[in-house]
Amino acid sequence: MKFVLLVALSLALSIANPLLADNYSVSQNGMAWDNVTLHNLTFRTLADNSRRLSLSSPLSYSANLALTFEEDNEWQNFPYRLLANPAKRSNNLSRVGSFAAAFHGNNALVLEPLAGSLFTQQSGDFVIDFWFYPMRLAENEELFTYRADIILNGRTLEQQATAFISEGRLVWRFENLFLSVYGQPLTFEVAGSPLMVNSWRRHTLRYTDSLAMIELLDNGAVVNVAYANSAGRESAQRYELSWHRAANRRIAVGGFAGYLDNFVIYPHYVGNLNFSRFSGQGSLLTDIIDLDGMLLQGINIIGDTPNASQFRVFVRFDDFRVGFDDSLAWQQYNPAINYRLQSERYVQFRVDFFAGNAAASSPILHDFIVLREVIPPPPRPGAVSFTRQDNGVFITWQPLLVGDVAGYKIYFGTAPGDYFGEAAFDSSPIDVGNTTRFFLEGLTPGQLYYFTITAYSSGVNRQESAFAPERSFLP
């Protein structure tokens, strides 16, 4: 007889149980499995209200600002105050994770940089990085704008750094942001490569303060370089980056027609940009499964793995539930292994998710099925006989030649079906091991005793047979 433990996480499954903290309760067809823990995985709700489980978007903990658009209030984790947010979160077209921000031309997300933000710090390295999907290339539409007021030589000037569209390219303009060695404000522009509509491209502005070098990267490749100094090349002499002197700071993200995803500001240099769709692998960790009385037959994992994305399943066993900690090693699940031979009582699974080669695909888990098979108990012993000897009795029975038999138990008592008897040196039941002969002494003369015998199987998950036909004996 087989039992199937089914954890279903499919597009067609509407999960009724609420999601609780880091643990999830999932069910289907009346079967339930509590305490399924997700790491870097999220349920995505589609337009038809079906749900899928896939990799979540990365959150860069070294960022000064990270807008992944996976949550409505994610800027609260950074030193910025939200002033306006007309942007629409959309899961129709996303590049990183499940959602992107959709803009229709004049709606921009506006934030006020607070103490600790990049725009309040003195000169230093920084990176501004985002994915951009234009639906048109309208002249002078802005993707990002930093604006503030700065007082120079008794005059109040507007200081700004802007990324905008000009002649089909993304151009960065810096105005009154860098100051010459004489304190004079400078204005200059750096243009990127030509843009393409209806296509995701990653745009990166990278500034190295020690070299006064500004780099523009398109999908990770450097397409233009400028220097914030008079030499026009790498030099220790540099212009001062002065936004820490400004007041009334504002930044705006959006204001064009198209989509933006994973907008991140780093207050340091980032040399190697991660071009995987996801920052790392995700995993699903099952609860610990008690195999008491069962054998692990195997698993079935059902899911979609587009563009060479994949699942990897790991398993670990132990005799005790308390043994499942970080020190207990995982082994990769191998369908060719006969896991029925595992003698440990408890088992746990981990499913790892890996993104595909196209860098825009996630494996999607539909069903994860654990197959368990009831351990058949041995047949019951038979042909029990008694031989008096001195003040005891030799009990013998016929050996079982079929089934998994590791040993036998003798039950006895002073009433039919009541096997809680005691002798001088033993009490019921007596585990006699793998033998078919046992001497029992210390019984009360003249007291009628009732006996039966069982057989049991091997392993931690051993099963015990039914009682042999009851026999009586009078010492």
Protein backbone atom coordinates (compact mmCIF):
# COMPACT_ATOMS: atom_id res chain seq x y z
CA MET A 1 0.00 0.00 0.00
CA LYS A 2 1.36 3.43 -0.97
CA PHE A 3 0.75 6.79 0.65
CA VAL A 4 1.32 9.99 -1.31
CA LEU A 5 2.21 13.19 0.49
CA LEU A 6 1.50 15.98 -1.99
CA VAL A 7 2.69 19.55 -1.77
CA ALA A 8 1.11 21.34 -4.70
CA LEU A 9 2.34 24.76 -5.72
CA SER A 10 0.85 25.05 -9.16
CA LEU A 11 -0.54 27.69 -11.45
CA ALA A 12 -3.97 26.21 -11.04
CA LEU A 13 -3.84 25.98 -7.27
CA SER A 14 -5.46 28.66 -5.18
CA ILE A 15 -3.91 28.36 -1.73
CA ALA A 16 -6.52 28.96 0.90
CA ASN A 17 -4.31 28.94 3.96
CA PRO A 18 -2.81 32.29 4.96
CA LEU A 19 0.90 32.88 4.58
CA LEU A 20 2.47 33.15 8.01
CA ALA A 21 5.83 34.87 8.43
CA ASP A 22 8.52 32.65 6.87
CA ASN A 23 6.46 29.47 7.06
CA TYR A 24 3.75 28.50 4.63
CA SER A 25 0.92 26.01 4.84
CA VAL A 26 -0.06 24.49 1.51
CA SER A 27 -2.73 21.94 0.72
CA GLN A 28 -4.59 20.19 -2.05
CA ASN A 29 -7.13 17.36 -2.18
CA GLY A 30 -7.50 17.36 1.58
CA MET A 31 -3.80 16.64 2.16
CA ALA A 32 -1.83 19.30 4.02
CA TRP A 33 1.78 19.97 4.80
CA ASP A 34 2.58 22.70 7.29
CA ASN A 35 5.81 24.58 7.84
CA VAL A 36 7.12 24.74 4.30
CA THR A 37 9.83 27.40 4.53
CA LEU A 38 10.71 29.56 1.52
CA HIS A 39 14.11 31.24 1.07
CA ASN A 40 14.34 33.90 -1.68
CA LEU A 41 11.15 32.49 -3.21
CA THR A 42 7.80 34.20 -3.64
CA PHE A 43 4.28 33.32 -4.70
CA ARG A 44 3.33 35.32 -7.78
CA THR A 45 -0.39 36.00 -8.24
CA LEU A 46 -1.35 36.14 -11.91
CA ALA A 47 -4.22 37.95 -13.58
CA ASP A 48 -6.47 34.88 -13.34
CA ASN A 49 -5.79 34.68 -9.56
CA SER A 50 -3.74 31.51 -9.97
CA ARG A 51 -0.44 31.35 -8.13
CA ARG A 52 3.05 30.20 -8.98
CA LEU A 53 6.17 29.80 -6.90
CA SER A 54 9.33 31.27 -8.39
CA LEU A 55 12.53 33.08 -7.53
CA SER A 56 12.15 36.45 -5.89
CA SER A 57 13.94 39.62 -6.89
CA PRO A 58 17.28 40.43 -5.30
CA LEU A 59 17.67 42.97 -2.55
CA SER A 60 21.08 44.52 -2.40
CA TYR A 61 21.94 45.08 1.25
CA SER A 62 24.94 47.22 0.29
CA ALA A 63 22.75 49.64 -1.67
CA ASN A 64 21.94 53.18 -0.61
CA LEU A 65 18.60 52.85 -2.40
CA ALA A 66 17.07 49.77 -4.05
CA LEU A 67 13.73 50.03 -5.83
CA THR A 68 12.83 46.53 -6.99
CA PHE A 69 9.11 47.41 -7.16
CA GLU A 70 8.25 44.11 -5.49
CA GLU A 71 6.64 45.93 -2.54
CA ASP A 72 4.84 49.25 -2.22
CA ASN A 73 6.87 50.54 0.71
CA GLU A 74 10.37 49.21 0.02
CA TRP A 75 12.00 52.69 0.16
CA GLN A 76 11.34 52.74 3.90
CA ASN A 77 14.43 50.57 4.35
CA PHE A 78 16.68 53.36 3.01
CA PRO A 79 17.49 57.00 3.97
CA TYR A 80 14.87 58.52 1.65
CA ARG A 81 11.38 59.93 2.23
CA LEU A 82 8.63 59.31 -0.30
CA LEU A 83 7.00 62.50 -1.59
CA ALA A 84 5.01 61.17 -4.55
CA ASN A 85 4.45 57.74 -6.03
CA PRO A 86 2.15 57.74 -9.06
CA ALA A 87 4.08 54.86 -10.61
CA LYS A 88 2.14 51.68 -11.24
CA ARG A 89 3.54 48.31 -10.26
CA SER A 90 3.08 45.86 -13.11
CA ASN A 91 3.63 42.13 -13.39
CA ASN A 92 2.85 42.09 -17.09
CA LEU A 93 6.41 42.99 -18.04
CA SER A 94 9.27 42.71 -15.58
CA ARG A 95 12.99 42.17 -15.92
CA VAL A 96 14.02 41.30 -12.36
CA GLY A 97 11.66 39.42 -10.07
CA SER A 98 7.89 39.59 -10.46
CA PHE A 99 7.15 43.31 -10.89
CA ALA A 100 8.41 46.42 -12.68
CA ALA A 101 7.31 50.07 -12.49
CA ALA A 102 5.17 51.31 -15.40
CA PHE A 103 5.34 55.00 -16.41
CA HIS A 104 3.17 56.81 -18.96
CA GLY A 105 5.22 59.93 -19.65
CA ASN A 106 4.66 62.39 -16.83
CA ASN A 107 4.38 60.32 -13.68
CA ALA A 108 7.58 60.15 -11.66
CA LEU A 109 8.32 58.64 -8.26
CA VAL A 110 9.72 61.47 -6.12
CA LEU A 111 11.92 60.95 -3.05
CA GLU A 112 13.65 63.31 -0.65
CA PRO A 113 17.23 62.25 0.19
CA LEU A 114 17.74 62.26 3.96
CA ALA A 115 20.87 62.22 6.11
CA GLY A 116 22.89 59.16 5.18
CA SER A 117 21.77 59.11 1.56
CA LEU A 118 24.31 59.28 -1.25
CA PHE A 119 23.36 62.89 -2.00
CA THR A 120 24.31 64.12 1.46
CA GLN A 121 27.78 62.57 1.44
CA GLN A 122 31.03 64.14 0.34
CA SER A 123 32.97 63.08 -2.73
CA GLY A 124 33.28 59.35 -3.17
CA ASP A 125 32.60 56.47 -5.55
CA PHE A 126 29.00 55.73 -6.52
CA VAL A 127 26.94 53.72 -9.00
CA ILE A 128 23.43 54.31 -10.35
CA ASP A 129 22.10 51.18 -12.03
CA PHE A 130 18.72 50.23 -13.54
CA TRP A 131 16.87 48.28 -16.21
CA PHE A 132 15.03 50.42 -18.80
CA TYR A 133 12.31 49.38 -21.28
CA PRO A 134 11.26 52.38 -23.44
CA MET A 135 7.98 52.23 -25.33
CA ARG A 136 8.94 55.37 -27.23
CA LEU A 137 12.01 57.60 -27.54
CA ALA A 138 10.50 61.04 -26.96
CA GLU A 139 13.04 63.85 -26.92
CA ASN A 140 14.06 65.07 -23.45
CA GLU A 141 12.00 62.54 -21.51
CA GLU A 142 13.75 62.02 -18.18
CA LEU A 143 14.45 58.70 -16.48
CA PHE A 144 16.20 60.06 -13.41
CA THR A 145 16.69 63.53 -12.01
CA TYR A 146 18.53 64.84 -8.97
CA ARG A 147 17.82 68.52 -8.22
CA ALA A 148 18.90 70.71 -5.32
CA ASP A 149 19.84 74.30 -4.48
CA ILE A 150 23.45 75.33 -3.93
CA ILE A 151 24.86 78.73 -2.98
CA LEU A 152 28.02 79.66 -4.87
CA ASN A 153 29.66 83.09 -4.78
CA GLY A 154 26.57 84.54 -3.14
CA ARG A 155 24.22 83.18 -5.79
CA THR A 156 21.66 80.39 -5.46
CA LEU A 157 22.00 77.95 -8.36
CA GLU A 158 20.08 74.84 -9.27
CA GLN A 159 22.25 71.77 -9.05
CA GLN A 160 21.20 68.71 -11.02
CA ALA A 161 22.17 65.38 -12.47
CA THR A 162 19.76 64.12 -15.11
CA ALA A 163 19.43 61.03 -17.28
CA PHE A 164 17.28 61.87 -20.31
CA ILE A 165 16.62 60.81 -23.89
CA SER A 166 18.25 62.82 -26.65
CA GLU A 167 18.44 61.82 -30.32
CA GLY A 168 17.66 58.22 -29.45
CA ARG A 169 20.35 57.92 -26.78
CA LEU A 170 20.43 58.01 -23.01
CA VAL A 171 22.39 61.11 -21.96
CA TRP A 172 23.61 62.10 -18.50
CA ARG A 173 23.86 65.85 -17.84
CA PHE A 174 25.69 67.26 -14.81
CA GLU A 175 25.01 70.92 -14.00
CA ASN A 176 26.53 72.85 -11.08
CA LEU A 177 27.40 69.52 -9.52
CA PHE A 178 31.16 69.44 -10.06
CA LEU A 179 33.26 72.44 -9.02
CA SER A 180 36.60 73.33 -10.56
CA VAL A 181 39.71 73.86 -8.46
CA TYR A 182 38.72 77.54 -8.37
CA GLY A 183 35.22 76.75 -7.10
CA GLN A 184 33.55 77.46 -10.44
CA PRO A 185 30.50 75.27 -11.29
CA LEU A 186 30.76 73.15 -14.41
CA THR A 187 28.22 71.73 -16.84
CA PHE A 188 28.90 68.76 -19.13
CA GLU A 189 27.13 65.78 -20.70
CA VAL A 190 27.98 62.14 -21.36
CA ALA A 191 26.00 60.20 -23.99
CA GLY A 192 25.38 56.48 -24.06
CA SER A 193 24.76 54.11 -26.96
CA PRO A 194 21.61 54.20 -29.14
CA LEU A 195 18.44 52.92 -27.47
CA MET A 196 15.92 50.40 -28.74
CA VAL A 197 12.21 50.55 -28.04
CA ASN A 198 10.35 47.59 -26.53
CA SER A 199 13.54 46.01 -25.25
CA TRP A 200 15.10 45.66 -21.81
CA ARG A 201 18.60 47.10 -21.45
CA ARG A 202 20.64 47.67 -18.35
CA HIS A 203 22.11 51.16 -17.93
CA THR A 204 24.82 51.95 -15.42
CA LEU A 205 26.46 55.22 -14.40
CA ARG A 206 29.67 54.54 -12.50
CA TYR A 207 31.88 57.19 -10.89
CA THR A 208 35.40 56.49 -9.56
CA ASP A 209 36.41 59.40 -7.35
CA SER A 210 40.14 58.63 -7.17
CA LEU A 211 40.37 58.83 -10.99
CA ALA A 212 37.64 61.46 -11.48
CA MET A 213 36.24 58.98 -14.02
CA ILE A 214 32.62 58.70 -15.15
CA GLU A 215 31.70 55.54 -17.05
CA LEU A 216 28.49 54.74 -18.87
CA LEU A 217 27.74 51.04 -19.28
CA ASP A 218 25.14 49.43 -21.53
CA ASN A 219 24.31 45.83 -20.58
CA GLY A 220 27.58 45.70 -18.66
CA ALA A 221 29.80 47.00 -21.47
CA VAL A 222 31.49 50.41 -21.19
CA VAL A 223 30.19 52.65 -24.02
CA ASN A 224 31.56 56.04 -22.98
CA VAL A 225 34.00 57.54 -20.47
CA ALA A 226 34.39 61.11 -19.24
CA TYR A 227 36.63 62.71 -16.64
CA ALA A 228 35.64 65.30 -14.05
CA ASN A 229 38.96 67.11 -14.24
CA SER A 230 40.83 69.50 -16.51
CA ALA A 231 43.17 66.81 -17.84
CA GLY A 232 40.43 64.84 -19.62
CA ARG A 233 42.03 61.56 -18.59
CA GLU A 234 42.82 59.54 -15.47
CA SER A 235 44.39 61.93 -13.01
CA ALA A 236 44.63 62.49 -9.28
CA GLN A 237 43.55 66.07 -9.92
CA ARG A 238 39.77 66.16 -9.91
CA TYR A 239 36.81 68.48 -9.65
CA GLU A 240 34.87 68.46 -6.40
CA LEU A 241 31.58 66.61 -6.30
CA SER A 242 29.54 69.10 -4.29
CA TRP A 243 26.07 67.73 -3.70
CA HIS A 244 26.80 67.46 0.02
CA ARG A 245 26.79 71.30 0.10
CA ALA A 246 23.30 71.59 -1.38
CA ALA A 247 19.85 71.98 0.19
CA ASN A 248 16.25 71.20 -0.81
CA ARG A 249 17.28 67.93 -2.46
CA ARG A 250 14.85 65.89 -4.55
CA ILE A 251 15.26 62.88 -6.79
CA ALA A 252 12.70 61.73 -9.36
CA VAL A 253 12.61 58.27 -10.93
CA GLY A 254 10.42 57.84 -14.02
CA GLY A 255 8.61 60.42 -16.11
CA PHE A 256 8.93 58.60 -19.43
CA ALA A 257 6.76 56.13 -21.34
CA GLY A 258 7.82 52.59 -20.56
CA TYR A 259 9.04 50.38 -17.75
CA LEU A 260 11.80 50.60 -15.15
CA ASP A 261 13.05 47.76 -12.98
CA ASN A 262 15.57 47.22 -10.19
CA PHE A 263 16.71 50.84 -9.80
CA VAL A 264 19.69 50.73 -7.40
CA ILE A 265 22.09 53.36 -6.06
CA TYR A 266 25.36 52.17 -4.52
CA PRO A 267 27.55 54.51 -2.42
CA HIS A 268 30.68 52.66 -3.55
CA TYR A 269 32.30 51.25 -6.66
CA VAL A 270 30.81 48.05 -8.15
CA GLY A 271 33.22 46.35 -10.51
CA ASN A 272 31.38 43.17 -11.46
CA LEU A 273 27.71 43.65 -12.24
CA ASN A 274 25.56 40.57 -11.76
CA PHE A 275 23.67 39.86 -14.97
CA SER A 276 21.74 36.89 -13.70
CA ARG A 277 18.04 37.64 -13.45
CA PHE A 278 18.25 36.71 -9.79
CA SER A 279 20.82 37.55 -7.16
CA GLY A 280 21.14 33.95 -6.03
CA GLN A 281 19.38 30.67 -5.82
CA GLY A 282 16.17 30.23 -3.91
CA SER A 283 15.03 27.17 -2.02
CA LEU A 284 12.01 25.48 -0.53
CA LEU A 285 12.60 23.57 2.71
CA THR A 286 10.05 20.99 3.76
CA ASP A 287 9.08 20.10 7.27
CA ILE A 288 10.68 17.02 8.80
CA ILE A 289 8.73 13.92 7.70
CA ASP A 290 8.22 11.05 10.13
CA LEU A 291 8.64 7.74 8.31
CA ASP A 292 7.40 5.71 11.27
CA GLY A 293 6.15 2.44 9.82
CA MET A 294 6.93 3.49 6.24
CA LEU A 295 9.66 3.33 3.63
CA LEU A 296 10.65 6.26 1.41
CA GLN A 297 9.81 5.13 -2.10
CA GLY A 298 10.92 8.31 -3.89
CA ILE A 299 9.68 11.70 -5.08
CA ASN A 300 8.09 13.24 -8.15
CA ILE A 301 8.87 16.87 -8.92
CA ILE A 302 6.66 18.54 -11.53
CA GLY A 303 7.50 21.96 -12.85
CA ASP A 304 8.49 24.16 -15.76
CA THR A 305 12.19 24.72 -16.46
CA PRO A 306 12.41 27.14 -19.41
CA ASN A 307 15.74 28.25 -20.91
CA ALA A 308 17.75 25.60 -19.07
CA SER A 309 16.55 26.74 -15.66
CA GLN A 310 16.46 23.89 -13.22
CA PHE A 311 15.55 22.41 -9.87
CA ARG A 312 17.94 20.49 -7.68
CA VAL A 313 16.54 18.35 -4.89
CA PHE A 314 18.47 17.49 -1.74
CA VAL A 315 17.58 15.06 1.04
CA ARG A 316 18.84 14.21 4.51
CA PHE A 317 17.96 11.53 7.07
CA ASP A 318 18.36 11.08 10.81
CA ASP A 319 17.17 8.74 13.54
CA PHE A 320 15.92 11.65 15.67
CA ARG A 321 13.95 14.77 14.84
CA VAL A 322 16.20 16.95 17.01
CA GLY A 323 19.18 16.04 14.83
CA PHE A 324 18.04 18.25 11.94
CA ASP A 325 20.26 21.29 12.37
CA ASP A 326 22.92 23.01 10.26
CA SER A 327 25.44 20.29 11.05
CA LEU A 328 23.36 17.56 9.38
CA ALA A 329 24.67 17.20 5.83
CA TRP A 330 22.52 17.26 2.69
CA GLN A 331 22.93 14.79 -0.17
CA GLN A 332 21.65 15.46 -3.67
CA TYR A 333 18.59 13.37 -4.42
CA ASN A 334 19.31 10.64 -6.96
CA PRO A 335 16.34 8.78 -8.52
CA ALA A 336 18.59 5.80 -9.16
CA ILE A 337 19.11 5.21 -5.44
CA ASN A 338 16.78 2.79 -3.67
CA TYR A 339 15.78 4.91 -0.68
CA ARG A 340 13.73 2.01 0.70
CA LEU A 341 17.01 0.82 2.19
CA GLN A 342 17.31 3.90 4.42
CA SER A 343 16.80 2.80 8.00
CA GLU A 344 16.51 6.26 9.61
CA ARG A 345 13.10 7.31 10.80
CA TYR A 346 13.03 10.99 9.73
CA VAL A 347 13.64 12.64 6.36
CA GLN A 348 13.67 16.23 5.05
CA PHE A 349 13.83 17.68 1.52
CA ARG A 350 15.21 20.90 0.06
CA VAL A 351 14.39 22.09 -3.46
CA ASP A 352 16.82 24.64 -4.93
CA PHE A 353 15.77 26.95 -7.78
CA PHE A 354 18.22 28.16 -10.47
CA ALA A 355 17.52 30.74 -13.19
CA GLY A 356 17.95 29.87 -16.85
CA ASN A 357 20.50 30.78 -19.50
CA ALA A 358 18.28 33.47 -20.97
CA ALA A 359 18.62 35.47 -17.75
CA ALA A 360 14.92 36.15 -17.92
CA SER A 361 13.49 32.84 -16.78
CA SER A 362 12.67 31.21 -13.49
CA PRO A 363 11.89 27.56 -12.86
CA ILE A 364 8.29 27.22 -11.74
CA LEU A 365 7.33 24.52 -9.24
CA HIS A 366 3.91 22.96 -9.76
CA ASP A 367 3.93 19.82 -7.62
CA PHE A 368 6.37 18.18 -5.24
CA ILE A 369 5.23 14.66 -4.37
CA VAL A 370 6.76 12.45 -1.71
CA LEU A 371 5.93 8.76 -2.13
CA ARG A 372 5.94 6.65 1.01
CA GLU A 373 5.23 2.95 1.21
CA VAL A 374 3.91 1.20 4.30
CA ILE A 375 6.40 -1.34 5.62
CA PRO A 376 4.61 -4.71 5.52
CA PRO A 377 4.77 -6.40 8.93
CA PRO A 378 6.14 -9.94 9.18
CA PRO A 379 3.64 -12.79 9.26
CA ARG A 380 2.64 -13.95 12.71
CA PRO A 381 4.54 -16.88 14.27
CA GLY A 382 2.91 -20.24 14.70
CA ALA A 383 3.28 -23.74 16.26
CA VAL A 384 3.98 -22.51 19.81
CA SER A 385 4.83 -25.30 22.26
CA PHE A 386 5.77 -25.55 25.97
CA THR A 387 8.14 -27.90 27.84
CA ARG A 388 8.29 -27.86 31.68
CA GLN A 389 11.75 -27.83 33.19
CA ASP A 390 12.47 -27.31 36.91
CA ASN A 391 10.66 -24.10 37.95
CA GLY A 392 10.31 -22.72 34.44
CA VAL A 393 9.21 -23.52 30.93
CA PHE A 394 10.88 -23.75 27.55
CA ILE A 395 8.80 -21.94 24.93
CA THR A 396 9.49 -22.81 21.30
CA TRP A 397 7.87 -21.81 18.02
CA GLN A 398 8.29 -22.38 14.35
CA PRO A 399 10.75 -19.96 12.63
CA LEU A 400 9.39 -17.62 9.96
CA LEU A 401 11.13 -18.14 6.63
CA VAL A 402 9.42 -15.31 4.69
CA GLY A 403 9.29 -11.57 5.24
CA ASP A 404 11.71 -9.23 7.00
CA VAL A 405 12.08 -10.87 10.44
CA ALA A 406 14.63 -9.39 12.85
CA GLY A 407 13.33 -10.92 16.07
CA TYR A 408 10.42 -12.06 18.25
CA LYS A 409 8.53 -10.92 21.36
CA ILE A 410 6.82 -13.11 23.96
CA TYR A 411 3.65 -11.74 25.59
CA PHE A 412 2.00 -13.38 28.63
CA GLY A 413 -0.56 -12.67 31.33
CA THR A 414 -3.03 -14.27 33.69
CA ALA A 415 -6.20 -13.59 31.68
CA PRO A 416 -7.10 -14.19 28.05
CA GLY A 417 -5.97 -11.25 25.93
CA ASP A 418 -4.35 -9.54 28.94
CA TYR A 419 -0.61 -9.71 28.34
CA PHE A 420 0.87 -7.72 31.22
CA GLY A 421 2.22 -10.61 33.22
CA GLU A 422 5.36 -10.78 35.36
CA ALA A 423 7.80 -13.56 36.17
CA ALA A 424 10.72 -13.61 38.58
CA PHE A 425 13.19 -12.12 36.13
CA ASP A 426 11.06 -10.86 33.22
CA SER A 427 7.89 -8.97 32.49
CA SER A 428 5.70 -9.00 29.40
CA PRO A 429 6.54 -8.42 26.62
CA ILE A 430 10.00 -9.98 26.39
CA ASP A 431 12.15 -9.16 23.37
CA VAL A 432 14.02 -12.42 22.81
CA GLY A 433 15.85 -11.36 19.62
CA ASN A 434 16.17 -13.54 16.58
CA THR A 435 15.68 -16.93 18.24
CA THR A 436 12.84 -19.46 18.31
CA ARG A 437 13.51 -20.85 21.81
CA PHE A 438 13.34 -19.15 25.21
CA PHE A 439 13.43 -20.33 28.82
CA LEU A 440 11.06 -18.44 31.12
CA GLU A 441 11.39 -19.03 34.86
CA GLY A 442 9.75 -17.69 37.99
CA LEU A 443 6.11 -18.33 37.09
CA THR A 444 3.64 -18.97 39.96
CA PRO A 445 2.82 -22.66 40.27
CA GLY A 446 -0.89 -23.41 39.86
CA GLN A 447 -1.55 -20.07 38.06
CA LEU A 448 -2.88 -20.41 34.55
CA TYR A 449 -0.95 -18.21 32.07
CA TYR A 450 -1.89 -17.15 28.57
CA PHE A 451 0.87 -16.73 25.95
CA THR A 452 1.24 -15.27 22.46
CA ILE A 453 4.20 -14.37 20.25
CA THR A 454 4.86 -11.66 17.63
CA ALA A 455 7.61 -11.13 15.07
CA TYR A 456 9.12 -7.75 14.18
CA SER A 457 11.05 -6.39 11.21
CA SER A 458 14.47 -4.74 11.09
CA GLY A 459 15.40 -1.05 11.08
CA VAL A 460 14.34 1.99 13.06
CA ASN A 461 10.95 1.90 11.38
CA ARG A 462 10.34 -1.72 12.29
CA GLN A 463 6.88 -3.20 12.13
CA GLU A 464 5.41 -5.81 14.45
CA SER A 465 3.27 -8.71 13.33
CA ALA A 466 -0.16 -9.65 14.55
CA PHE A 467 -0.41 -11.85 17.65
CA ALA A 468 0.06 -15.55 17.16
CA PRO A 469 -2.90 -17.70 18.28
CA GLU A 470 -3.13 -17.56 22.05
CA ARG A 471 -1.98 -20.60 24.04
CA SER A 472 -2.42 -21.31 27.76
CA PHE A 473 0.01 -23.01 30.14
CA LEU A 474 -0.27 -24.13 33.78
CA PRO A 475 3.11 -24.29 35.62
